């Protein structure tokens, strides 16, 4: 049962830790279960969490089974009701029994949720859940449309999806070559609306009108097993992530480019693809990729290698951009800088790190006779305006989380300001792009630039 305990640990900490869900699972050192199996369980449960939350709460299983935490209940109920092989535990294990003895009640609540959302079968609901990804918004503030019978109209049970963006790596192939091979069975459509509103497994694509060589596919499209992806001909990259390199617009004679925080390498390899022709024509220009975290630099090296950009990109593993001396060689030849420090991922869509994981509310039995280990205390734990003391722990936890988030944002803002000011010090710099522009960063950077820190635009 270590699989479920490890999964509960990941789910419970998801709002306290940064990084993607996959990176947190595979980087954890104290796990007893297999990372791949754990990631599959947690990611699948996350997709269903906004439905299973209702099932768990309405079945009152957390009140009846006090050994279950909200995260454990979510994982176990997911496998009990939705996994092909059921709960991965011996038939007599206490945690398995804690959910199997309530299977009829849980199944009934899932059926009610399915019907309330307007789906005729579980397969129809499953197809929509697995074929769509949630928007990165606050679910509690969402106001879904309601039908005449008080339920959501069919097809609106889930939030609108985002497309699967795929960049054609022009260092190794071309858009025309991929349309004729990897996407030969796909139908090209004129709008994103047609991509997003078809069936999840429809073979349709849209050629983006803003970023060259960028394709939009349905959210459920999976090309990770195709030869083109394995050979580095295709790169999974959100559209927003493509803008920094595209707007930098390297041209012949621009001199060297510098990616200040390069890992994992999507923007670096995109920059290499854009400079591919001009770099070879002038012969002297290079792309310098700095990454101060040596472990992340290894990921960068792999990405640059598989993309075929190793002849154009020089990686400076362990190099802190802020410690570079702009007046020294080779940095004095840098004319274009791409600044994209690692952040909270608040602008990232369509990735596992932004799956909205919704946990059931902890058990708060309203009946004083409900058996618990601390019976006297449980009589007064129901949250209400007349029992404000019962809210202390919840409010304190929420306040601590908000303070941590604000501190992290303040730290990120200061770091971005320092990076931008340092970029202004490069004497030959003419172009700088930065993906995360914060409101309080602009006045400071503008005044510093006006003070004479370099010439940039």
Protein backbone atom coordinates (compact mmCIF):
# COMPACT_ATOMS: atom_id res chain seq x y z
CA UNK A 1 0.00 0.00 0.00
CA UNK A 2 3.02 2.28 -0.13
CA UNK A 3 1.76 3.36 -3.57
CA UNK A 4 -1.28 5.06 -2.04
CA UNK A 5 0.59 6.54 0.91
CA UNK A 6 3.18 8.00 -1.45
CA UNK A 7 0.43 9.28 -3.73
CA UNK A 8 -1.36 10.92 -0.81
CA UNK A 9 1.89 12.64 0.15
CA UNK A 10 2.28 14.06 -3.37
CA UNK A 11 -1.34 15.21 -3.61
CA UNK A 12 -1.34 16.82 -0.17
CA UNK A 13 1.83 18.77 -0.93
CA UNK A 14 0.89 19.88 -4.42
CA UNK A 15 -0.03 23.41 -3.35
CA UNK A 16 3.07 23.78 -1.17
CA UNK A 17 5.72 22.79 -3.73
CA UNK A 18 6.84 24.26 -7.02
CA UNK A 19 7.62 22.43 -10.22
CA UNK A 20 5.60 20.07 -12.35
CA UNK A 21 3.82 17.03 -10.97
CA UNK A 22 6.18 14.77 -12.89
CA UNK A 23 9.31 16.50 -11.60
CA UNK A 24 8.11 16.28 -7.99
CA UNK A 25 7.35 12.56 -8.30
CA UNK A 26 10.60 11.59 -10.00
CA UNK A 27 12.73 13.87 -7.83
CA UNK A 28 11.34 12.61 -4.52
CA UNK A 29 13.90 10.55 -2.61
CA UNK A 30 11.77 9.06 0.17
CA UNK A 31 9.29 7.14 -1.98
CA UNK A 32 8.85 3.39 -1.61
CA UNK A 33 6.81 2.87 -4.77
CA UNK A 34 7.90 2.95 -8.41
CA UNK A 35 7.97 6.57 -9.69
CA UNK A 36 6.39 5.69 -13.03
CA UNK A 37 3.49 3.81 -11.39
CA UNK A 38 3.06 6.57 -8.82
CA UNK A 39 2.99 9.32 -11.46
CA UNK A 40 0.37 7.42 -13.46
CA UNK A 41 -1.85 7.06 -10.39
CA UNK A 42 -1.51 10.67 -9.23
CA UNK A 43 -1.94 12.24 -12.67
CA UNK A 44 -5.01 10.15 -13.51
CA UNK A 45 -6.57 10.85 -10.12
CA UNK A 46 -5.90 14.57 -10.61
CA UNK A 47 -7.89 14.56 -13.85
CA UNK A 48 -10.89 13.08 -12.04
CA UNK A 49 -10.47 14.93 -8.74
CA UNK A 50 -13.14 17.58 -9.35
CA UNK A 51 -15.70 14.76 -9.83
CA UNK A 52 -14.37 12.32 -7.22
CA UNK A 53 -14.33 15.11 -4.64
CA UNK A 54 -18.13 15.25 -4.87
CA UNK A 55 -18.40 11.46 -4.76
CA UNK A 56 -16.26 11.19 -1.63
CA UNK A 57 -17.98 14.04 0.19
CA UNK A 58 -21.55 12.98 -0.61
CA UNK A 59 -20.89 9.35 0.29
CA UNK A 60 -19.60 10.52 3.73
CA UNK A 61 -16.89 7.89 3.54
CA UNK A 62 -14.43 10.14 5.40
CA UNK A 63 -16.84 10.26 8.34
CA UNK A 64 -17.44 6.52 8.28
CA UNK A 65 -13.80 5.52 7.75
CA UNK A 66 -11.68 7.69 10.02
CA UNK A 67 -8.44 6.03 8.90
CA UNK A 68 -8.78 7.65 5.48
CA UNK A 69 -7.38 11.09 4.76
CA UNK A 70 -8.92 13.18 1.93
CA UNK A 71 -5.97 12.41 -0.37
CA UNK A 72 -5.99 8.68 0.42
CA UNK A 73 -9.74 8.51 -0.16
CA UNK A 74 -9.41 10.25 -3.52
CA UNK A 75 -6.74 7.80 -4.75
CA UNK A 76 -8.47 4.67 -3.46
CA UNK A 77 -11.90 5.67 -4.80
CA UNK A 78 -10.36 6.45 -8.18
CA UNK A 79 -8.88 2.96 -8.47
CA UNK A 80 -11.98 1.28 -7.04
CA UNK A 81 -14.40 2.90 -9.49
CA UNK A 82 -12.28 3.76 -12.52
CA UNK A 83 -9.10 1.65 -12.73
CA UNK A 84 -9.25 -1.54 -14.80
CA UNK A 85 -7.53 -3.65 -12.13
CA UNK A 86 -9.16 -1.97 -9.16
CA UNK A 87 -7.36 -1.15 -5.92
CA UNK A 88 -3.75 -2.36 -6.01
CA UNK A 89 -3.75 -4.01 -2.59
CA UNK A 90 -4.51 -7.42 -1.02
CA UNK A 91 -8.21 -8.16 -0.56
CA UNK A 92 -7.91 -8.15 3.22
CA UNK A 93 -5.86 -4.97 3.58
CA UNK A 94 -7.59 -2.46 5.91
CA UNK A 95 -7.36 0.45 3.44
CA UNK A 96 -8.83 -1.60 0.63
CA UNK A 97 -11.65 -2.77 2.88
CA UNK A 98 -12.26 0.84 3.91
CA UNK A 99 -13.46 1.64 0.39
CA UNK A 100 -14.74 -1.70 -0.91
CA UNK A 101 -17.30 -1.99 1.88
CA UNK A 102 -18.84 1.24 0.58
CA UNK A 103 -18.58 0.42 -3.13
CA UNK A 104 -22.35 0.48 -3.74
CA UNK A 105 -22.69 3.89 -2.10
CA UNK A 106 -19.69 5.28 -3.99
CA UNK A 107 -20.89 3.87 -7.29
CA UNK A 108 -24.30 5.44 -6.76
CA UNK A 109 -22.78 8.85 -6.08
CA UNK A 110 -20.61 8.60 -9.20
CA UNK A 111 -23.70 7.78 -11.25
CA UNK A 112 -25.49 10.83 -9.81
CA UNK A 113 -22.53 13.06 -10.71
CA UNK A 114 -22.44 11.65 -14.23
CA UNK A 115 -26.14 12.24 -14.79
CA UNK A 116 -25.98 15.70 -13.23
CA UNK A 117 -23.36 16.60 -15.83
CA UNK A 118 -25.49 15.28 -18.66
CA UNK A 119 -23.59 12.14 -19.72
CA UNK A 120 -25.50 9.02 -20.73
CA UNK A 121 -22.70 6.61 -19.85
CA UNK A 122 -19.47 6.40 -17.89
CA UNK A 123 -17.57 5.88 -21.13
CA UNK A 124 -18.85 9.20 -22.43
CA UNK A 125 -17.75 10.97 -19.26
CA UNK A 126 -14.40 9.17 -19.32
CA UNK A 127 -13.76 10.21 -22.90
CA UNK A 128 -14.37 13.85 -22.04
CA UNK A 129 -12.24 13.76 -18.89
CA UNK A 130 -9.31 12.02 -20.54
CA UNK A 131 -9.59 14.03 -23.75
CA UNK A 132 -9.54 17.45 -22.17
CA UNK A 133 -7.24 19.39 -19.85
CA UNK A 134 -8.44 21.86 -17.27
CA UNK A 135 -7.80 25.58 -17.56
CA UNK A 136 -5.49 27.11 -14.98
CA UNK A 137 -8.20 28.97 -13.09
CA UNK A 138 -9.73 28.96 -9.63
CA UNK A 139 -12.42 26.30 -9.73
CA UNK A 140 -14.22 27.84 -6.77
CA UNK A 141 -14.84 31.02 -8.78
CA UNK A 142 -16.09 29.18 -11.84
CA UNK A 143 -19.76 29.73 -12.59
CA UNK A 144 -20.81 26.98 -15.02
CA UNK A 145 -23.92 27.32 -17.10
CA UNK A 146 -26.94 25.48 -15.77
CA UNK A 147 -29.61 23.77 -17.78
CA UNK A 148 -33.36 23.98 -17.25
CA UNK A 149 -33.30 20.92 -15.00
CA UNK A 150 -30.57 22.37 -12.78
CA UNK A 151 -27.73 20.41 -14.40
CA UNK A 152 -24.95 21.46 -16.72
CA UNK A 153 -25.78 21.07 -20.41
CA UNK A 154 -24.05 18.12 -22.01
CA UNK A 155 -20.62 18.98 -23.29
CA UNK A 156 -20.14 21.72 -20.69
CA UNK A 157 -19.39 19.47 -17.76
CA UNK A 158 -15.69 20.15 -18.10
CA UNK A 159 -13.76 23.36 -18.57
CA UNK A 160 -12.63 24.36 -22.05
CA UNK A 161 -9.45 22.58 -23.15
CA UNK A 162 -6.26 23.99 -24.59
CA UNK A 163 -4.67 22.56 -27.73
CA UNK A 164 -1.59 20.37 -27.82
CA UNK A 165 1.11 22.61 -29.28
CA UNK A 166 3.91 21.04 -31.32
CA UNK A 167 6.84 22.94 -32.82
CA UNK A 168 8.45 21.58 -35.97
CA UNK A 169 12.22 21.48 -35.38
CA UNK A 170 13.58 23.10 -38.54
CA UNK A 171 17.12 22.16 -37.56
CA UNK A 172 16.28 18.63 -38.67
CA UNK A 173 13.16 18.79 -40.81
CA UNK A 174 10.59 21.16 -42.31
CA UNK A 175 6.88 21.80 -41.93
CA UNK A 176 6.15 20.44 -45.41
CA UNK A 177 8.10 17.24 -44.73
CA UNK A 178 6.20 16.60 -41.50
CA UNK A 179 2.81 17.34 -43.07
CA UNK A 180 3.65 14.75 -45.73
CA UNK A 181 4.87 12.12 -43.25
CA UNK A 182 4.00 12.27 -39.54
CA UNK A 183 0.76 14.19 -40.16
CA UNK A 184 -0.17 12.65 -43.50
CA UNK A 185 -3.44 11.33 -42.08
CA UNK A 186 -4.42 14.65 -40.51
CA UNK A 187 -6.90 17.19 -41.84
CA UNK A 188 -5.73 20.81 -41.75
CA UNK A 189 -8.37 23.22 -40.40
CA UNK A 190 -8.48 27.00 -40.44
CA UNK A 191 -9.30 27.77 -36.81
CA UNK A 192 -8.46 26.62 -33.28
CA UNK A 193 -12.18 26.32 -32.64
CA UNK A 194 -12.33 23.37 -35.04
CA UNK A 195 -9.41 21.71 -33.26
CA UNK A 196 -10.89 22.12 -29.79
CA UNK A 197 -14.51 21.31 -30.50
CA UNK A 198 -14.15 18.10 -32.44
CA UNK A 199 -13.93 14.62 -30.98
CA UNK A 200 -10.91 14.07 -28.70
CA UNK A 201 -9.27 11.58 -31.07
CA UNK A 202 -9.96 13.44 -34.32
CA UNK A 203 -6.90 13.76 -36.56
CA UNK A 204 -7.03 17.49 -37.22
CA UNK A 205 -4.39 20.20 -36.96
CA UNK A 206 -4.14 23.96 -37.25
CA UNK A 207 -1.05 25.77 -38.51
CA UNK A 208 -0.52 28.72 -36.19
CA UNK A 209 -0.77 32.12 -37.84
CA UNK A 210 1.63 33.85 -35.41
CA UNK A 211 4.57 31.51 -34.79
CA UNK A 212 6.10 29.85 -37.87
CA UNK A 213 6.29 26.04 -37.85
CA UNK A 214 3.93 25.67 -34.87
CA UNK A 215 0.99 23.27 -34.96
CA UNK A 216 -2.08 23.00 -32.75
CA UNK A 217 -3.58 19.52 -32.25
CA UNK A 218 -6.48 18.24 -30.12
CA UNK A 219 -5.66 18.02 -26.38
CA UNK A 220 -5.76 14.22 -26.41
CA UNK A 221 -3.24 13.92 -29.26
CA UNK A 222 -0.21 11.90 -28.19
CA UNK A 223 2.80 11.84 -30.49
CA UNK A 224 5.34 10.91 -27.82
CA UNK A 225 5.77 7.42 -29.29
CA UNK A 226 6.22 8.52 -32.91
CA UNK A 227 9.62 8.20 -34.63
CA UNK A 228 9.54 11.94 -35.39
CA UNK A 229 9.35 12.84 -31.71
CA UNK A 230 11.98 10.32 -30.65
CA UNK A 231 14.37 11.67 -33.30
CA UNK A 232 13.88 15.29 -32.22
CA UNK A 233 11.94 16.35 -35.31
CA UNK A 234 8.98 17.43 -33.15
CA UNK A 235 9.20 19.44 -29.93
CA UNK A 236 6.30 19.79 -27.50
CA UNK A 237 6.25 23.49 -26.64
CA UNK A 238 3.40 25.79 -25.59
CA UNK A 239 2.69 28.71 -27.87
CA UNK A 240 3.43 31.22 -25.09
CA UNK A 241 6.86 29.65 -24.68
CA UNK A 242 7.63 30.24 -28.36
CA UNK A 243 7.20 34.01 -28.25
CA UNK A 244 10.48 35.00 -26.48
CA UNK A 245 12.77 33.52 -29.15
CA UNK A 246 10.45 34.56 -31.99
CA UNK A 247 10.29 38.18 -30.79
CA UNK A 248 14.05 38.29 -30.33
CA UNK A 249 14.14 37.79 -34.10
CA UNK A 250 17.87 37.10 -34.61
CA UNK A 251 19.14 38.39 -37.94
CA UNK A 252 22.46 38.15 -39.81
CA UNK A 253 24.90 40.56 -38.25
CA UNK A 254 23.16 40.62 -34.87
CA UNK A 255 26.15 39.06 -33.15
CA UNK A 256 25.94 36.44 -30.43
CA UNK A 257 22.76 35.50 -28.56
CA UNK A 258 22.63 34.64 -24.86
CA UNK A 259 19.96 32.56 -23.10
CA UNK A 260 20.36 33.53 -19.45
CA UNK A 261 18.41 30.66 -17.81
CA UNK A 262 18.38 28.05 -20.54
CA UNK A 263 17.14 24.76 -19.02
CA UNK A 264 15.28 22.68 -20.00
CA UNK A 265 16.06 23.94 -23.49
CA UNK A 266 12.88 24.51 -25.49
CA UNK A 267 13.57 28.22 -25.99
CA UNK A 268 17.27 27.62 -26.57
CA UNK A 269 16.63 25.12 -29.35
CA UNK A 270 13.92 27.38 -30.79
CA UNK A 271 16.45 30.21 -30.87
CA UNK A 272 18.91 27.88 -32.60
CA UNK A 273 16.31 26.99 -35.23
CA UNK A 274 15.59 30.66 -35.89
CA UNK A 275 19.29 31.54 -36.22
CA UNK A 276 20.12 28.40 -38.20
CA UNK A 277 20.53 30.14 -41.58
CA UNK A 278 22.08 33.37 -40.37
CA UNK A 279 24.60 31.71 -38.05
CA UNK A 280 26.05 29.61 -40.85
CA UNK A 281 26.17 32.55 -43.22
CA UNK A 282 28.18 34.85 -40.96
CA UNK A 283 30.17 32.09 -39.28
CA UNK A 284 31.06 33.93 -36.07
CA UNK A 285 27.76 34.16 -34.17
CA UNK A 286 27.01 31.76 -31.33
CA UNK A 287 24.20 31.00 -28.92
CA UNK A 288 25.40 30.94 -25.32
CA UNK A 289 23.19 28.99 -22.93
CA UNK A 290 23.77 29.65 -19.22
CA UNK A 291 22.29 27.38 -16.55
CA UNK A 292 23.52 27.78 -13.00
CA UNK A 293 21.87 24.54 -11.77
CA UNK A 294 24.17 21.73 -12.88
CA UNK A 295 21.47 19.06 -12.66
CA UNK A 296 19.16 21.12 -14.90
CA UNK A 297 22.12 21.74 -17.21
CA UNK A 298 22.24 17.99 -17.91
CA UNK A 299 18.63 18.16 -19.10
CA UNK A 300 19.59 21.12 -21.26
CA UNK A 301 22.47 19.17 -22.80
CA UNK A 302 20.17 16.27 -23.71
CA UNK A 303 17.62 18.63 -25.24
CA UNK A 304 20.22 20.48 -27.31
CA UNK A 305 21.70 17.19 -28.50
CA UNK A 306 18.43 15.55 -29.57
CA UNK A 307 17.34 18.75 -31.31
CA UNK A 308 20.56 18.82 -33.32
CA UNK A 309 21.54 22.24 -31.99
CA UNK A 310 24.90 21.27 -30.47
CA UNK A 311 26.87 22.91 -33.30
CA UNK A 312 25.15 26.24 -32.68
CA UNK A 313 24.79 26.27 -28.91
CA UNK A 314 27.54 26.49 -26.31
CA UNK A 315 26.31 25.42 -22.88
CA UNK A 316 27.78 27.02 -19.77
CA UNK A 317 26.79 24.52 -17.08
CA UNK A 318 26.86 25.94 -13.56
CA UNK A 319 27.18 29.51 -14.84
CA UNK A 320 25.14 32.17 -13.04
CA UNK A 321 24.08 34.86 -15.50
CA UNK A 322 24.28 37.55 -12.83
CA UNK A 323 27.98 36.78 -12.33
CA UNK A 324 28.92 37.31 -15.96
CA UNK A 325 31.17 40.30 -16.69
CA UNK A 326 29.60 41.96 -19.76
CA UNK A 327 32.87 43.74 -20.58
CA UNK A 328 34.86 40.51 -20.87
CA UNK A 329 35.14 38.15 -23.82
CA UNK A 330 33.05 36.44 -25.13
CA UNK A 331 30.14 38.33 -23.54
CA UNK A 332 31.05 41.71 -25.05
CA UNK A 333 29.98 40.37 -28.45
CA UNK A 334 26.44 39.55 -27.20
CA UNK A 335 23.79 41.68 -28.85
CA UNK A 336 20.63 39.67 -28.12
CA UNK A 337 19.55 38.32 -24.73
CA UNK A 338 16.71 36.00 -23.81
CA UNK A 339 15.69 36.20 -20.14
CA UNK A 340 13.34 33.56 -18.81
CA UNK A 341 14.05 32.61 -15.17
CA UNK A 342 12.32 29.60 -13.67
CA UNK A 343 9.08 30.68 -12.02
CA UNK A 344 5.83 29.41 -10.57
CA UNK A 345 4.55 28.29 -13.95
CA UNK A 346 1.52 30.56 -13.59
CA UNK A 347 1.53 31.22 -17.31
CA UNK A 348 1.93 27.62 -18.42
CA UNK A 349 -1.06 25.79 -19.84
CA UNK A 350 -1.70 22.26 -20.94
CA UNK A 351 0.92 20.62 -18.72
CA UNK A 352 0.70 18.26 -15.80
CA UNK A 353 1.92 20.88 -13.34
CA UNK A 354 -1.28 22.86 -13.65
CA UNK A 355 -3.79 20.06 -13.30
CA UNK A 356 -6.20 21.40 -10.66
CA UNK A 357 -6.09 18.84 -7.87
CA UNK A 358 -9.23 19.24 -5.77
CA UNK A 359 -9.23 17.35 -2.47
CA UNK A 360 -12.39 16.44 -0.54
CA UNK A 361 -13.10 18.41 2.62
CA UNK A 362 -11.89 16.71 5.83
CA UNK A 363 -14.52 14.85 7.84
CA UNK A 364 -16.60 17.13 10.06
CA UNK A 365 -19.31 14.88 11.54
CA UNK A 366 -22.43 16.78 12.58
CA UNK A 367 -23.76 13.88 14.64
CA UNK A 368 -22.21 13.77 18.15
CA UNK A 369 -22.74 10.02 18.30
CA UNK A 370 -20.54 9.36 15.27
CA UNK A 371 -17.73 7.12 16.57
CA UNK A 372 -14.33 8.81 16.59
CA UNK A 373 -11.13 8.43 18.55
CA UNK A 374 -11.61 11.82 20.17
CA UNK A 375 -15.34 11.85 20.76
CA UNK A 376 -15.53 14.83 23.07
CA UNK A 377 -13.54 17.02 20.77
CA UNK A 378 -15.46 15.96 17.67
CA UNK A 379 -18.72 17.36 19.03
CA UNK A 380 -17.40 20.87 18.63
CA UNK A 381 -15.46 20.56 15.40
CA UNK A 382 -18.28 21.43 13.02
CA UNK A 383 -17.30 24.62 11.26
CA UNK A 384 -19.85 27.38 11.79
CA UNK A 385 -20.03 31.08 12.61
CA UNK A 386 -20.83 30.18 16.22
CA UNK A 387 -17.69 28.04 16.55
CA UNK A 388 -14.89 30.31 15.24
CA UNK A 389 -12.23 28.35 17.13
CA UNK A 390 -12.85 25.39 14.86
CA UNK A 391 -11.61 27.46 11.91
CA UNK A 392 -8.28 28.42 13.51
CA UNK A 393 -6.15 25.62 12.03
CA UNK A 394 -7.72 25.99 8.58
CA UNK A 395 -7.26 29.76 8.51
CA UNK A 396 -3.72 29.55 9.86
CA UNK A 397 -2.79 27.01 7.19
CA UNK A 398 -4.33 29.14 4.45
CA UNK A 399 -2.60 32.26 5.74
CA UNK A 400 0.76 30.47 5.85
CA UNK A 401 0.32 29.24 2.28
CA UNK A 402 -0.58 32.73 1.05
CA UNK A 403 2.43 34.23 2.81
CA UNK A 404 4.73 31.65 1.24
CA UNK A 405 3.27 32.34 -2.19
CA UNK A 406 3.63 36.09 -1.77
CA UNK A 407 7.21 35.70 -0.55
CA UNK A 408 8.01 33.53 -3.55
CA UNK A 409 6.48 36.06 -5.96
CA UNK A 410 8.40 38.90 -4.29
CA UNK A 411 11.62 36.92 -4.60
CA UNK A 412 10.91 36.14 -8.26
CA UNK A 413 10.13 39.80 -8.97
CA UNK A 414 13.40 40.93 -7.39
CA UNK A 415 15.35 38.27 -9.29
CA UNK A 416 13.78 39.27 -12.60
CA UNK A 417 14.56 42.91 -11.93
CA UNK A 418 18.20 42.09 -11.21
CA UNK A 419 18.43 40.01 -14.39
CA UNK A 420 16.98 42.75 -16.54
CA UNK A 421 19.23 45.41 -15.03
CA UNK A 422 22.24 43.16 -15.56
CA UNK A 423 21.22 42.61 -19.19
CA UNK A 424 21.25 46.39 -19.70
CA UNK A 425 24.95 46.38 -18.78
CA UNK A 426 25.96 44.43 -21.89
CA UNK A 427 27.56 47.22 -23.97
CA UNK A 428 26.52 45.88 -27.39
CA UNK A 429 23.08 44.61 -26.39
CA UNK A 430 20.37 45.73 -28.79
CA UNK A 431 17.51 43.30 -28.16
CA UNK A 432 16.21 41.72 -24.95
CA UNK A 433 13.13 39.54 -24.51
CA UNK A 434 11.72 38.34 -21.20
CA UNK A 435 8.68 36.09 -20.83
CA UNK A 436 7.39 37.08 -17.39
CA UNK A 437 6.88 40.85 -17.17
CA UNK A 438 5.68 41.84 -13.69
CA UNK A 439 3.98 45.19 -13.12
CA UNK A 440 6.34 46.33 -10.38
CA UNK A 441 9.36 45.41 -12.52
CA UNK A 442 8.74 47.95 -15.29
CA UNK A 443 9.20 51.28 -13.44
CA UNK A 444 12.46 50.16 -11.81
CA UNK A 445 13.97 48.77 -14.99
CA UNK A 446 12.90 51.79 -17.05
CA UNK A 447 14.43 54.30 -14.65
CA UNK A 448 17.66 52.29 -14.52
CA UNK A 449 17.85 52.15 -18.30
CA UNK A 450 17.31 55.88 -18.52
CA UNK A 451 20.24 56.26 -16.12
CA UNK A 452 22.51 54.91 -18.87
CA UNK A 453 22.83 51.15 -18.25
CA UNK A 454 23.41 50.07 -21.83
CA UNK A 455 21.40 50.47 -25.00
CA UNK A 456 18.55 48.00 -25.34
CA UNK A 457 15.15 47.74 -26.87
